[in-house]
Amino acid sequence: MTRPVESVWDYPRPPSLETVGYRVRARWRGREVANTTSAIKVRETSHPPVYYIPRGDVDTTWLVPSPHRTECEFKGVASYYSLADGDTHVPNAAWTYTDPLPGYEPLADRIAFYGWALDEASVDGEVVKPQDGHFYGGWITSEIEGPFKGAPGTTGW
C-alpha cells in the first residue's frame, strides 16, 4: 500500500483521529508486543503521527503500570506503562487515555508506544524512526515530512 506524502505542518490543531487498516507492529526484546490492522492514527501540527493500538492487539504481559501521568489539553490525562521482563525495565514506554476528553473517546482502551523504547516499530511493513526526545511519541515513516517538534531547540514552536 502506498501512503500519500504528509507534511506535519498541514496537520490540524486540535489533533485529528483516523482509523487505519495497514499493519502496525511493535517489538521489544525479541517479542512482538503489539500487532494490529485497526490502529488509530493521531495527527497534530508539527508532530509525526502517533498510533494507538487496541488493547486486545497488545501483549500486556510486559506492561507494568507506572505512576507517571501527563495531561493533554485535547485528549485528557494519560496514564503510563513501563516495559519490564525481570532484568530489563524501560520506564514510561507506553501510554493510554482511559477516560479521554470529548471528541477523543475512540482512544479509550488503546495503547501507544514510544518508538525510542522499542527494539523496532513498523507501519505497513516500514520500520519507523522515533520522534526526537522522550516527551512526544510520533513515529516517522518515509511519507511524513517535517521539520518535527521534539528535538533540542524546538520546545518553543
Foldseek 3Di string as FASTA:
>chain_A
DDDAFDELQPAAPVKDKDFAQWWKWFAAPRRTFFIGRTWIWIRHRQAATWTWGALVRGNCPQWDWDPDWDADPQWGIKTFTWGDDPPDIGPRFKIARCPTDPPNVVRHRTMTGACVRTPFIDTNPFTWDGDAADPDRHTDDPSYDHDHAHHPPRPVD
